[in-house]
């Protein structure tokens, strides 16, 4: 082109080119030695005769020169610089997002760009496969490639049996899907169980398959539990099973119990995929929130399906409304129903109390304090109060305990009995005929209540009134002792009975208006003639009839 037409011009051009080459080489060596340079341009590399760099990638080479693993001695000749550039470009070209269409790097290629690679063909195989599945923007720096190499080394070392910590983020950086910090422990365990030579984890597809197998195994375990009756502890899923199945929302023991309950009531194949399981969990959590919120608001509508969604199939058409009524009581709030365990306890405890109240004593496990607490019933302290309350419920029918209010009324009556035991004779008790009769106790009336209360006070120890039979026996004794007194009077062994004695014996007040007549009739009997209610009642009735006839005859001026 006329730039070098003479021998002298040609020599000057060669000298100029050699000078540019030398300057460029010196700049590159200095950059590697000092790990910094502001003056290296694309022209610096072209002055060396490098043709496979452009404005889009030359600065990556400069960054390599600035790394601590590249020294001046590594780039002090054209051949060394070209080898470094070629190795980097090869790795970049392999990372094109298309698998299997590029030449893969050798150990030497990685070493030239300052990447330290662990020994073993499996390490190289896996790293190259990771790169082959990557994109150039993911591998622009030595640090990024070294990070992948380090993770690969940890994986292969784990397969060998060594202990190396790596994170889910590090595995994701390899292009692996479906791994997070929750299932990482299972992924590590699976890698450790793979062949120690690394042959089972030296490709991305093998690692991805391992993660997929973990998920599938977990889903199968959860579906197996769904198909069971729930009685085999070995089949009960753990939190890790849900994490391995990629199911979200299982973070603690309460979540786990809720999830297992929701799974267990499904039809076969109702939990055979992570999508189905996730839907079950979401529905269960939403239903639980609705039930909890309903405890604070009467306007929220609770459906039977809400209980089914949280696995409480024991809530049926026959008891659904009664259980919902519990949510409307003052002592049941969202704070009390803090989690699934509390909601389940409320339902189970209510149904347990209903089952116990079958009118057949002794054939069911009796409710505990926790059962009463779960449905919002307050029972005074002490196991004897629970013992008495449950003993009483065991003898009642279910309709007598089908609301919280009815059960609380029984608990309040038990409290009054124990409070009465602590009184002194003459103190006023709050016990009533209604409160005692409500406990299923017989033989109590407005007329003998005062004596019954006196007997309860006289026990001076709640251990004598902490069962239904003890209370009923005490009430029966009131009548028995009154009848015995009347019989002793008949035999001349006691003074004339007061009105209360006859009332305690069960005699109707309507025939006791003339106590002198009654006593006269009683004392006139032969031994044993007043030894039972029936005998006493007969004597009094006969005396009253005779007196009525005499009075009529006197009025009519006639004879009897």
Protein backbone atom coordinates (compact mmCIF):
# COMPACT_ATOMS: atom_id res chain seq x y z
CA UNK A 1 0.00 0.00 0.00
CA UNK A 2 3.03 2.22 -0.26
CA UNK A 3 3.74 2.25 3.47
CA UNK A 4 6.99 0.28 3.04
CA UNK A 5 8.27 0.56 -0.51
CA UNK A 6 11.94 0.63 0.30
CA UNK A 7 14.25 -1.62 2.32
CA UNK A 8 14.62 1.12 4.87
CA UNK A 9 10.86 1.59 5.22
CA UNK A 10 10.35 -2.15 5.62
CA UNK A 11 13.00 -2.26 8.32
CA UNK A 12 11.41 0.69 10.11
CA UNK A 13 8.00 -1.05 9.99
CA UNK A 14 9.41 -4.25 11.42
CA UNK A 15 11.15 -2.31 14.14
CA UNK A 16 7.88 -0.54 14.94
CA UNK A 17 5.98 -3.81 15.14
CA UNK A 18 8.64 -5.38 17.31
CA UNK A 19 8.55 -2.37 19.56
CA UNK A 20 4.72 -2.60 19.92
CA UNK A 21 5.04 -6.33 20.63
CA UNK A 22 7.66 -5.75 23.28
CA UNK A 23 5.68 -2.93 24.90
CA UNK A 24 2.51 -5.09 24.95
CA UNK A 25 4.36 -8.07 26.41
CA UNK A 26 5.93 -5.89 29.08
CA UNK A 27 2.55 -4.40 30.00
CA UNK A 28 1.00 -7.85 30.35
CA UNK A 29 3.87 -9.16 32.45
CA UNK A 30 3.65 -6.08 34.70
CA UNK A 31 -0.13 -6.51 35.06
CA UNK A 32 0.36 -10.12 36.17
CA UNK A 33 3.10 -9.19 38.61
CA UNK A 34 1.34 -6.18 40.13
CA UNK A 35 -2.20 -7.61 39.85
CA UNK A 36 -3.38 -4.30 38.45
CA UNK A 37 -3.23 -2.18 35.29
CA UNK A 38 -5.26 0.64 33.85
CA UNK A 39 -3.63 0.79 30.44
CA UNK A 40 -4.20 -2.64 28.87
CA UNK A 41 -6.56 -2.32 25.91
CA UNK A 42 -7.75 -4.66 23.19
CA UNK A 43 -4.94 -3.23 21.05
CA UNK A 44 -2.45 -4.52 23.61
CA UNK A 45 -3.46 -8.07 22.78
CA UNK A 46 -3.67 -7.47 19.04
CA UNK A 47 -0.14 -6.01 19.16
CA UNK A 48 0.91 -9.44 20.37
CA UNK A 49 -0.80 -11.04 17.40
CA UNK A 50 -3.74 -12.55 19.33
CA UNK A 51 -6.77 -12.78 17.06
CA UNK A 52 -9.41 -14.56 19.18
CA UNK A 53 -10.21 -11.63 21.47
CA UNK A 54 -12.61 -8.79 20.85
CA UNK A 55 -14.16 -5.82 22.61
CA UNK A 56 -16.57 -8.15 24.37
CA UNK A 57 -14.12 -10.47 26.09
CA UNK A 58 -10.59 -9.07 26.17
CA UNK A 59 -11.10 -7.48 29.58
CA UNK A 60 -11.76 -10.94 31.04
CA UNK A 61 -8.18 -11.81 30.17
CA UNK A 62 -7.03 -8.63 31.86
CA UNK A 63 -8.98 -9.66 34.97
CA UNK A 64 -7.17 -12.98 34.88
CA UNK A 65 -3.84 -11.12 34.87
CA UNK A 66 -4.97 -9.26 37.97
CA UNK A 67 -5.74 -12.47 39.86
CA UNK A 68 -3.34 -13.68 42.52
CA UNK A 69 -2.80 -17.04 40.80
CA UNK A 70 -1.36 -15.58 37.59
CA UNK A 71 2.26 -14.36 37.82
CA UNK A 72 4.56 -12.67 35.33
CA UNK A 73 6.34 -15.95 34.73
CA UNK A 74 3.06 -17.41 33.46
CA UNK A 75 2.76 -14.83 30.67
CA UNK A 76 6.34 -13.86 29.80
CA UNK A 77 6.14 -15.16 26.24
CA UNK A 78 3.74 -15.08 23.33
CA UNK A 79 3.16 -18.82 23.56
CA UNK A 80 2.24 -18.64 27.26
CA UNK A 81 -0.11 -15.70 26.77
CA UNK A 82 -1.72 -17.36 23.75
CA UNK A 83 -2.17 -20.61 25.71
CA UNK A 84 -3.88 -18.71 28.55
CA UNK A 85 -6.16 -16.87 26.15
CA UNK A 86 -6.98 -20.03 24.21
CA UNK A 87 -7.83 -21.92 27.41
CA UNK A 88 -10.14 -19.16 28.64
CA UNK A 89 -11.86 -18.83 25.26
CA UNK A 90 -12.28 -22.62 25.10
CA UNK A 91 -14.01 -22.63 28.49
CA UNK A 92 -16.16 -19.68 27.45
CA UNK A 93 -17.12 -21.39 24.21
CA UNK A 94 -18.07 -24.58 26.07
CA UNK A 95 -20.42 -22.57 28.26
CA UNK A 96 -22.87 -21.85 25.45
CA UNK A 97 -25.98 -23.37 27.05
CA UNK A 98 -25.97 -26.29 24.63
CA UNK A 99 -24.70 -29.61 25.94
CA UNK A 100 -22.26 -31.72 23.96
CA UNK A 101 -21.37 -29.40 21.10
CA UNK A 102 -18.02 -28.05 22.26
CA UNK A 103 -14.49 -29.15 23.00
CA UNK A 104 -14.09 -29.57 26.75
CA UNK A 105 -11.26 -28.19 28.81
CA UNK A 106 -8.36 -30.21 30.16
CA UNK A 107 -6.76 -29.93 33.56
CA UNK A 108 -4.02 -27.89 31.90
CA UNK A 109 -6.58 -25.41 30.57
CA UNK A 110 -7.88 -24.73 34.05
CA UNK A 111 -4.39 -24.48 35.45
CA UNK A 112 -3.39 -21.90 32.80
CA UNK A 113 -6.15 -19.54 33.90
CA UNK A 114 -5.16 -19.96 37.55
CA UNK A 115 -7.91 -22.38 38.61
CA UNK A 116 -6.86 -25.01 41.15
CA UNK A 117 -8.41 -28.37 40.38
CA UNK A 118 -8.59 -31.35 42.74
CA UNK A 119 -7.09 -34.60 41.52
CA UNK A 120 -9.17 -37.20 39.76
CA UNK A 121 -10.91 -37.68 36.45
CA UNK A 122 -14.32 -37.46 38.12
CA UNK A 123 -13.55 -33.91 39.24
CA UNK A 124 -12.65 -32.88 35.70
CA UNK A 125 -15.66 -34.71 34.26
CA UNK A 126 -18.14 -33.04 36.59
CA UNK A 127 -16.61 -29.57 36.26
CA UNK A 128 -16.65 -29.79 32.46
CA UNK A 129 -20.25 -31.02 32.52
CA UNK A 130 -21.23 -28.12 34.74
CA UNK A 131 -19.53 -25.68 32.36
CA UNK A 132 -21.13 -27.39 29.35
CA UNK A 133 -24.53 -26.74 30.97
CA UNK A 134 -23.72 -23.10 31.73
CA UNK A 135 -23.67 -19.78 29.86
CA UNK A 136 -20.68 -17.47 29.22
CA UNK A 137 -22.00 -14.78 31.57
CA UNK A 138 -21.80 -17.28 34.42
CA UNK A 139 -18.08 -17.93 33.85
CA UNK A 140 -16.52 -14.53 33.21
CA UNK A 141 -13.98 -14.55 36.02
CA UNK A 142 -11.41 -16.88 37.47
CA UNK A 143 -13.22 -16.59 40.82
CA UNK A 144 -16.48 -17.87 39.33
CA UNK A 145 -14.79 -20.86 37.71
CA UNK A 146 -12.77 -21.56 40.87
CA UNK A 147 -15.96 -21.52 42.95
CA UNK A 148 -17.46 -24.18 40.68
CA UNK A 149 -14.26 -26.22 40.88
CA UNK A 150 -14.28 -26.00 44.67
CA UNK A 151 -17.90 -27.19 44.89
CA UNK A 152 -17.17 -30.04 42.51
CA UNK A 153 -14.21 -31.06 44.66
CA UNK A 154 -16.39 -31.05 47.79
CA UNK A 155 -19.02 -33.23 46.12
CA UNK A 156 -16.50 -35.81 44.94
CA UNK A 157 -14.76 -35.79 48.33
CA UNK A 158 -18.12 -36.38 50.02
CA UNK A 159 -18.76 -39.36 47.78
CA UNK A 160 -15.36 -40.66 48.84
CA UNK A 161 -16.42 -40.45 52.48
CA UNK A 162 -14.72 -37.25 53.55
CA UNK A 163 -16.59 -34.51 55.39
CA UNK A 164 -16.96 -31.31 53.39
CA UNK A 165 -19.52 -28.59 53.92
CA UNK A 166 -21.26 -27.08 50.92
CA UNK A 167 -24.45 -25.07 50.65
CA UNK A 168 -27.57 -25.31 48.56
CA UNK A 169 -26.52 -22.11 46.81
CA UNK A 170 -23.27 -23.76 45.77
CA UNK A 171 -25.21 -26.69 44.30
CA UNK A 172 -27.59 -24.34 42.52
CA UNK A 173 -24.57 -22.60 41.01
CA UNK A 174 -23.76 -25.92 39.33
CA UNK A 175 -27.11 -25.68 37.57
CA UNK A 176 -28.92 -28.13 39.85
CA UNK A 177 -32.64 -27.66 40.44
CA UNK A 178 -34.84 -28.57 43.39
CA UNK A 179 -32.21 -28.24 46.08
CA UNK A 180 -32.45 -25.89 49.05
CA UNK A 181 -31.18 -25.67 52.60
CA UNK A 182 -34.08 -27.85 53.80
CA UNK A 183 -33.38 -30.92 51.68
CA UNK A 184 -29.62 -30.35 51.56
CA UNK A 185 -29.00 -32.84 54.37
CA UNK A 186 -30.67 -35.58 52.33
CA UNK A 187 -28.77 -34.58 49.19
CA UNK A 188 -25.49 -34.80 51.08
CA UNK A 189 -26.46 -38.19 52.50
CA UNK A 190 -27.28 -39.48 49.01
CA UNK A 191 -23.96 -38.22 47.64
CA UNK A 192 -22.15 -39.93 50.50
CA UNK A 193 -23.94 -43.19 49.71
CA UNK A 194 -22.95 -43.05 46.03
CA UNK A 195 -19.88 -44.99 44.75
CA UNK A 196 -16.73 -43.74 46.43
CA UNK A 197 -14.92 -43.36 43.11
CA UNK A 198 -17.32 -40.54 42.19
CA UNK A 199 -18.76 -42.38 39.21
CA UNK A 200 -22.29 -41.87 40.50
CA UNK A 201 -22.05 -38.09 40.83
CA UNK A 202 -19.60 -36.96 38.15
CA UNK A 203 -22.21 -35.44 35.86
CA UNK A 204 -24.94 -32.86 36.26
CA UNK A 205 -27.57 -35.34 35.13
CA UNK A 206 -26.51 -37.86 37.78
CA UNK A 207 -26.64 -35.25 40.51
CA UNK A 208 -30.00 -33.98 39.26
CA UNK A 209 -31.28 -37.54 39.15
CA UNK A 210 -30.15 -38.05 42.72
CA UNK A 211 -32.10 -34.96 43.83
CA UNK A 212 -35.16 -36.13 41.88
CA UNK A 213 -34.95 -39.58 43.48
CA UNK A 214 -34.90 -37.99 46.93
CA UNK A 215 -38.06 -36.08 46.09
CA UNK A 216 -39.83 -39.08 44.59
CA UNK A 217 -38.94 -41.27 47.55
CA UNK A 218 -40.32 -38.68 49.97
CA UNK A 219 -43.56 -38.30 48.00
CA UNK A 220 -43.97 -42.09 47.93
CA UNK A 221 -43.47 -42.26 51.70
CA UNK A 222 -46.14 -39.61 52.27
CA UNK A 223 -48.57 -41.41 49.94
CA UNK A 224 -47.83 -44.71 51.73
CA UNK A 225 -48.86 -43.03 54.98
CA UNK A 226 -52.03 -41.81 53.30
CA UNK A 227 -52.84 -45.39 52.34
CA UNK A 228 -52.24 -46.68 55.86
CA UNK A 229 -54.49 -46.54 58.91
CA UNK A 230 -52.00 -44.33 60.72
CA UNK A 231 -51.19 -46.89 63.41
CA UNK A 232 -47.69 -47.82 62.27
CA UNK A 233 -45.16 -45.31 63.67
CA UNK A 234 -42.64 -46.34 61.01
CA UNK A 235 -44.89 -44.92 58.30
CA UNK A 236 -45.50 -41.53 59.91
CA UNK A 237 -43.77 -38.84 57.81
CA UNK A 238 -41.24 -36.56 59.48
CA UNK A 239 -40.60 -32.90 58.70
CA UNK A 240 -37.64 -33.95 56.56
CA UNK A 241 -39.93 -36.03 54.36
CA UNK A 242 -41.97 -32.97 53.46
CA UNK A 243 -38.83 -30.93 52.91
CA UNK A 244 -37.42 -33.63 50.65
CA UNK A 245 -40.74 -33.66 48.75
CA UNK A 246 -40.27 -29.91 48.09
CA UNK A 247 -43.40 -29.10 50.10
CA UNK A 248 -43.46 -25.67 51.72
CA UNK A 249 -45.08 -24.64 55.00
CA UNK A 250 -43.85 -27.44 57.29
CA UNK A 251 -41.61 -25.63 59.74
CA UNK A 252 -42.35 -27.09 63.17
CA UNK A 253 -43.97 -29.99 64.98
CA UNK A 254 -47.45 -28.42 64.91
CA UNK A 255 -47.19 -27.99 61.14
CA UNK A 256 -46.11 -31.62 60.84
CA UNK A 257 -49.02 -32.98 62.86
CA UNK A 258 -51.43 -30.86 60.81
CA UNK A 259 -49.91 -32.04 57.54
CA UNK A 260 -49.99 -35.70 58.55
CA UNK A 261 -53.60 -35.43 59.67
CA UNK A 262 -54.58 -33.80 56.37
CA UNK A 263 -52.74 -36.48 54.40
CA UNK A 264 -54.08 -39.44 56.33
CA UNK A 265 -57.75 -38.89 55.47
CA UNK A 266 -57.23 -38.62 51.72
CA UNK A 267 -58.41 -41.18 49.24
CA UNK A 268 -55.77 -43.42 47.62
CA UNK A 269 -53.50 -41.40 45.31
CA UNK A 270 -54.58 -38.25 47.12
CA UNK A 271 -50.99 -37.48 48.11
CA UNK A 272 -48.97 -39.07 45.31
CA UNK A 273 -47.35 -35.88 44.02
CA UNK A 274 -45.69 -32.85 45.50
CA UNK A 275 -48.39 -30.67 43.91
CA UNK A 276 -51.21 -32.60 45.59
CA UNK A 277 -49.42 -32.60 48.92
CA UNK A 278 -48.74 -28.87 48.68
CA UNK A 279 -52.42 -28.21 47.93
CA UNK A 280 -53.42 -30.28 50.97
CA UNK A 281 -51.09 -28.33 53.21
CA UNK A 282 -52.27 -24.96 51.92
CA UNK A 283 -55.92 -25.95 52.35
CA UNK A 284 -55.22 -27.27 55.86
CA UNK A 285 -53.42 -24.11 56.92
CA UNK A 286 -56.15 -21.89 55.52
CA UNK A 287 -58.87 -23.93 57.24
CA UNK A 288 -56.97 -23.81 60.53
CA UNK A 289 -56.75 -20.01 60.34
CA UNK A 290 -60.47 -19.75 59.63
CA UNK A 291 -61.32 -21.93 62.64
CA UNK A 292 -58.98 -19.92 64.85
CA UNK A 293 -60.45 -16.63 63.68
CA UNK A 294 -63.98 -17.95 64.22
CA UNK A 295 -63.17 -18.28 67.91
CA UNK A 296 -62.98 -14.48 68.02
CA UNK A 297 -65.82 -13.64 65.66
CA UNK A 298 -69.36 -15.00 65.50
CA UNK A 299 -69.71 -13.78 61.91
CA UNK A 300 -67.20 -16.23 60.42
CA UNK A 301 -68.91 -19.26 58.96
CA UNK A 302 -67.31 -22.59 59.73
CA UNK A 303 -68.16 -25.54 57.51
CA UNK A 304 -67.68 -29.21 58.19
CA UNK A 305 -65.20 -29.19 55.28
CA UNK A 306 -62.90 -26.91 57.27
CA UNK A 307 -62.49 -29.63 59.89
CA UNK A 308 -62.01 -32.24 57.17
CA UNK A 309 -59.28 -30.09 55.60
CA UNK A 310 -57.28 -30.28 58.83
CA UNK A 311 -57.79 -34.03 59.08
CA UNK A 312 -60.51 -34.05 61.74
CA UNK A 313 -62.83 -36.54 60.09
CA UNK A 314 -64.35 -37.24 63.50
CA UNK A 315 -66.35 -34.02 63.11
CA UNK A 316 -69.56 -35.29 61.52
CA UNK A 317 -73.04 -34.04 60.75
CA UNK A 318 -74.21 -35.21 64.17
CA UNK A 319 -71.64 -33.28 66.23
CA UNK A 320 -70.52 -30.50 63.90
CA UNK A 321 -72.83 -27.82 65.31
CA UNK A 322 -72.04 -28.64 68.93
CA UNK A 323 -68.31 -28.36 68.25
CA UNK A 324 -68.86 -25.08 66.43
CA UNK A 325 -70.77 -23.84 69.47
CA UNK A 326 -67.58 -24.24 71.49
CA UNK A 327 -65.98 -21.59 69.28
CA UNK A 328 -68.67 -19.14 70.34
CA UNK A 329 -67.96 -19.45 74.06
CA UNK A 330 -66.07 -16.78 75.95
CA UNK A 331 -63.35 -19.14 77.12
CA UNK A 332 -62.40 -20.33 73.63
CA UNK A 333 -60.43 -17.74 71.66
CA UNK A 334 -57.89 -17.69 68.86
CA UNK A 335 -55.22 -17.25 71.52
CA UNK A 336 -56.35 -20.49 73.16
CA UNK A 337 -56.45 -22.23 69.78
CA UNK A 338 -52.88 -21.17 69.04
CA UNK A 339 -52.12 -24.10 66.76
CA UNK A 340 -53.44 -27.29 65.24
CA UNK A 341 -52.73 -29.27 68.40
CA UNK A 342 -55.08 -27.04 70.40
CA UNK A 343 -57.89 -27.25 67.83
CA UNK A 344 -57.56 -31.03 67.64
CA UNK A 345 -57.51 -31.25 71.42
CA UNK A 346 -60.72 -29.21 71.62
CA UNK A 347 -62.48 -31.54 69.20
CA UNK A 348 -61.08 -34.77 70.64
CA UNK A 349 -61.75 -33.76 74.24
CA UNK A 350 -65.34 -32.77 73.51
CA UNK A 351 -65.99 -36.08 71.76
CA UNK A 352 -64.25 -38.00 74.54
CA UNK A 353 -66.54 -36.45 77.14
CA UNK A 354 -69.55 -37.24 74.94
CA UNK A 355 -68.43 -40.84 74.58
CA UNK A 356 -67.89 -41.27 78.32
CA UNK A 357 -71.40 -39.99 79.01
CA UNK A 358 -73.09 -43.11 77.70
CA UNK A 359 -74.94 -44.00 80.90
CA UNK A 360 -72.73 -47.05 81.42
CA UNK A 361 -70.30 -46.55 84.24
CA UNK A 362 -66.73 -47.80 83.92
CA UNK A 363 -66.54 -48.77 80.25
CA UNK A 364 -64.56 -45.75 78.94
CA UNK A 365 -61.35 -43.92 79.79
CA UNK A 366 -62.39 -40.95 81.89
CA UNK A 367 -61.63 -37.35 80.89
CA UNK A 368 -58.52 -35.71 82.31
CA UNK A 369 -57.98 -32.11 83.39
CA UNK A 370 -56.43 -31.43 79.98
CA UNK A 371 -59.68 -32.49 78.32
CA UNK A 372 -61.73 -29.98 80.29
CA UNK A 373 -59.15 -27.27 79.68
CA UNK A 374 -59.21 -27.99 75.95
CA UNK A 375 -62.92 -27.20 75.72
CA UNK A 376 -62.67 -24.15 77.94
CA UNK A 377 -64.17 -25.63 81.12
CA UNK A 378 -62.66 -24.40 84.37
CA UNK A 379 -62.23 -27.01 87.10
CA UNK A 380 -60.85 -26.19 90.54
CA UNK A 381 -57.36 -27.37 91.39
CA UNK A 382 -56.70 -30.87 92.61
CA UNK A 383 -56.99 -34.29 91.06
CA UNK A 384 -59.92 -35.16 93.34
CA UNK A 385 -62.06 -32.53 91.65
CA UNK A 386 -61.30 -34.10 88.27
CA UNK A 387 -61.95 -37.54 89.67
CA UNK A 388 -65.39 -36.56 90.96
CA UNK A 389 -66.39 -34.61 87.85
CA UNK A 390 -65.40 -37.41 85.49
CA UNK A 391 -67.02 -40.04 87.70
CA UNK A 392 -70.27 -38.09 87.57
CA UNK A 393 -70.10 -37.62 83.79
CA UNK A 394 -69.47 -41.35 83.42
CA UNK A 395 -72.96 -41.96 84.84
CA UNK A 396 -74.81 -39.37 82.78
CA UNK A 397 -76.22 -39.48 79.25
CA UNK A 398 -74.59 -37.56 76.40
CA UNK A 399 -77.36 -34.95 76.24
CA UNK A 400 -76.45 -33.89 79.78
CA UNK A 401 -72.95 -32.83 78.66
CA UNK A 402 -73.45 -31.72 75.05
CA UNK A 403 -72.52 -28.07 75.64
CA UNK A 404 -69.68 -26.34 77.37
CA UNK A 405 -72.20 -24.60 79.64
CA UNK A 406 -73.63 -27.89 80.90
CA UNK A 407 -70.19 -29.30 81.64
CA UNK A 408 -69.13 -26.07 83.34
CA UNK A 409 -72.25 -26.27 85.50
CA UNK A 410 -71.22 -29.74 86.65
CA UNK A 411 -67.70 -28.48 87.36
CA UNK A 412 -69.14 -25.57 89.36
CA UNK A 413 -71.25 -27.97 91.43
CA UNK A 414 -68.17 -30.05 92.19
CA UNK A 415 -66.39 -26.88 93.29
CA UNK A 416 -69.29 -26.00 95.61
CA UNK A 417 -69.23 -29.46 97.19
CA UNK A 418 -65.53 -29.15 97.96
CA UNK A 419 -66.04 -25.61 99.21
CA UNK A 420 -68.81 -26.84 101.50
CA UNK A 421 -66.51 -29.47 103.01
CA UNK A 422 -64.27 -26.61 104.12
CA UNK A 423 -67.13 -24.81 105.96
CA UNK A 424 -67.94 -25.01 109.65
CA UNK A 425 -71.36 -26.07 110.92
CA UNK A 426 -73.67 -23.08 110.73
CA UNK A 427 -71.90 -21.53 107.75
CA UNK A 428 -73.95 -20.93 104.62
CA UNK A 429 -73.30 -23.18 101.64
CA UNK A 430 -74.15 -22.29 98.06
CA UNK A 431 -75.23 -25.82 97.30
CA UNK A 432 -78.76 -26.15 95.98
CA UNK A 433 -81.11 -28.99 95.18
CA UNK A 434 -80.66 -28.18 91.51
CA UNK A 435 -76.85 -28.23 91.65
CA UNK A 436 -76.77 -31.59 93.45
CA UNK A 437 -79.51 -33.14 91.34
CA UNK A 438 -77.66 -31.94 88.23
CA UNK A 439 -74.86 -34.31 89.23
CA UNK A 440 -77.25 -37.22 88.94
CA UNK A 441 -77.62 -37.58 92.72
CA UNK A 442 -80.97 -38.90 93.94
CA UNK A 443 -82.96 -38.37 97.15
CA UNK A 444 -82.42 -34.61 97.50
CA UNK A 445 -85.22 -32.13 98.11
CA UNK A 446 -85.70 -28.64 99.42
CA UNK A 447 -86.75 -30.23 102.73
CA UNK A 448 -83.67 -32.37 103.42
CA UNK A 449 -81.06 -30.11 101.77
CA UNK A 450 -80.06 -28.50 105.06
CA UNK A 451 -79.24 -31.89 106.57
CA UNK A 452 -77.42 -33.07 103.44
CA UNK A 453 -75.27 -29.93 103.56
CA UNK A 454 -74.60 -30.50 107.26
CA UNK A 455 -73.44 -34.02 106.51
CA UNK A 456 -71.09 -32.76 103.77
CA UNK A 457 -69.62 -30.20 106.18
CA UNK A 458 -69.24 -32.89 108.81
CA UNK A 459 -67.02 -35.01 106.53
CA UNK A 460 -64.27 -32.37 106.97
CA UNK A 461 -62.28 -34.04 104.16
CA UNK A 462 -62.88 -33.98 100.43
CA UNK A 463 -61.60 -37.56 100.14
CA UNK A 464 -64.97 -38.62 101.57
CA UNK A 465 -66.93 -36.89 98.81
CA UNK A 466 -64.71 -37.24 95.73
CA UNK A 467 -66.81 -39.92 94.03
CA UNK A 468 -70.40 -40.26 92.98
CA UNK A 469 -70.94 -43.31 95.21
CA UNK A 470 -69.60 -41.51 98.28
CA UNK A 471 -71.90 -38.56 97.71
CA UNK A 472 -74.93 -40.73 97.04
CA UNK A 473 -74.12 -42.81 100.12
CA UNK A 474 -73.93 -39.64 102.23
CA UNK A 475 -77.36 -38.53 100.96
CA UNK A 476 -78.77 -41.99 101.60
CA UNK A 477 -77.41 -41.86 105.14
CA UNK A 478 -79.49 -38.77 105.85
CA UNK A 479 -82.66 -40.78 105.26
CA UNK A 480 -81.30 -43.90 106.92
CA UNK A 481 -80.26 -42.08 110.06
CA UNK A 482 -83.62 -40.29 110.26
CA UNK A 483 -85.54 -43.56 109.89
CA UNK A 484 -83.32 -45.20 112.51
CA UNK A 485 -84.02 -42.32 114.89
CA UNK A 486 -87.78 -42.65 114.34
CA UNK A 487 -87.62 -46.40 115.01
CA UNK A 488 -85.63 -45.84 118.18
CA UNK A 489 -88.30 -43.34 119.27
CA UNK A 490 -90.89 -46.01 118.58
CA UNK A 491 -88.91 -48.26 120.88
CA UNK A 492 -88.71 -45.61 123.60
CA UNK A 493 -85.04 -44.94 123.06
CA UNK A 494 -85.19 -41.38 121.72
CA UNK A 495 -87.17 -38.23 122.36
CA UNK A 496 -89.96 -37.24 120.00
CA UNK A 497 -88.59 -36.50 116.53
CA UNK A 498 -88.62 -32.95 115.24
CA UNK A 499 -90.21 -32.09 111.92
CA UNK A 500 -86.79 -32.13 110.18
CA UNK A 501 -86.26 -35.76 111.13
CA UNK A 502 -89.38 -36.81 109.22
CA UNK A 503 -88.42 -34.61 106.28
CA UNK A 504 -84.95 -36.21 106.23
CA UNK A 505 -86.64 -39.61 106.24
CA UNK A 506 -88.37 -38.61 103.02
CA UNK A 507 -91.87 -38.09 104.42
CA UNK A 508 -93.90 -35.51 102.51
CA UNK A 509 -94.39 -32.26 104.39
CA UNK A 510 -98.06 -32.33 103.36
CA UNK A 511 -98.81 -35.09 105.93
CA UNK A 512 -96.73 -33.56 108.71
CA UNK A 513 -98.93 -30.62 109.69
CA UNK A 514 -99.87 -32.31 113.00
CA UNK A 515 -96.50 -33.45 114.38
CA UNK A 516 -98.04 -34.49 117.74
CA UNK A 517 -100.44 -36.86 115.95
CA UNK A 518 -97.60 -38.26 113.88
CA UNK A 519 -95.40 -38.91 116.89
CA UNK A 520 -98.31 -40.45 118.82
CA UNK A 521 -98.98 -42.82 115.96
CA UNK A 522 -95.32 -43.78 115.67
CA UNK A 523 -94.72 -44.43 119.34
CA UNK A 524 -97.75 -46.71 119.44
CA UNK A 525 -96.19 -49.19 117.00
CA UNK A 526 -94.67 -52.51 117.88
CA UNK A 527 -90.92 -53.02 117.60
CA UNK A 528 -89.86 -52.67 113.96
CA UNK A 529 -93.06 -50.91 113.08
CA UNK A 530 -91.23 -47.74 112.04
CA UNK A 531 -88.04 -49.23 110.67
CA UNK A 532 -88.51 -48.22 107.03
CA UNK A 533 -89.84 -45.35 104.97
CA UNK A 534 -92.75 -47.48 103.80
CA UNK A 535 -93.76 -48.43 107.36
CA UNK A 536 -93.47 -44.88 108.64
CA UNK A 537 -95.39 -43.51 105.66
CA UNK A 538 -98.11 -46.13 106.20
CA UNK A 539 -98.42 -45.32 109.90
CA UNK A 540 -98.64 -41.58 109.24
CA UNK A 541 -101.15 -42.07 106.41
CA UNK A 542 -103.32 -44.29 108.64
CA UNK A 543 -103.17 -41.81 111.50
CA UNK A 544 -104.04 -38.93 109.19
CA UNK A 545 -106.97 -40.87 107.74
CA UNK A 546 -108.26 -41.83 111.18
CA UNK A 547 -107.95 -38.26 112.40
CA UNK A 548 -109.79 -37.00 109.36
CA UNK A 549 -112.69 -39.41 110.04
CA UNK A 550 -112.91 -38.41 113.67
CA UNK A 551 -112.99 -34.76 112.72
CA UNK A 552 -115.70 -35.41 110.14
CA UNK A 553 -117.78 -37.42 112.61
CA UNK A 554 -117.51 -34.63 115.14
CA UNK A 555 -118.61 -32.14 112.54
CA UNK A 556 -121.49 -34.32 111.33
CA UNK A 557 -122.44 -35.43 114.90
CA UNK A 558 -122.12 -39.00 113.74
CA UNK A 559 -120.21 -42.09 114.79
CA UNK A 560 -117.00 -43.38 113.21
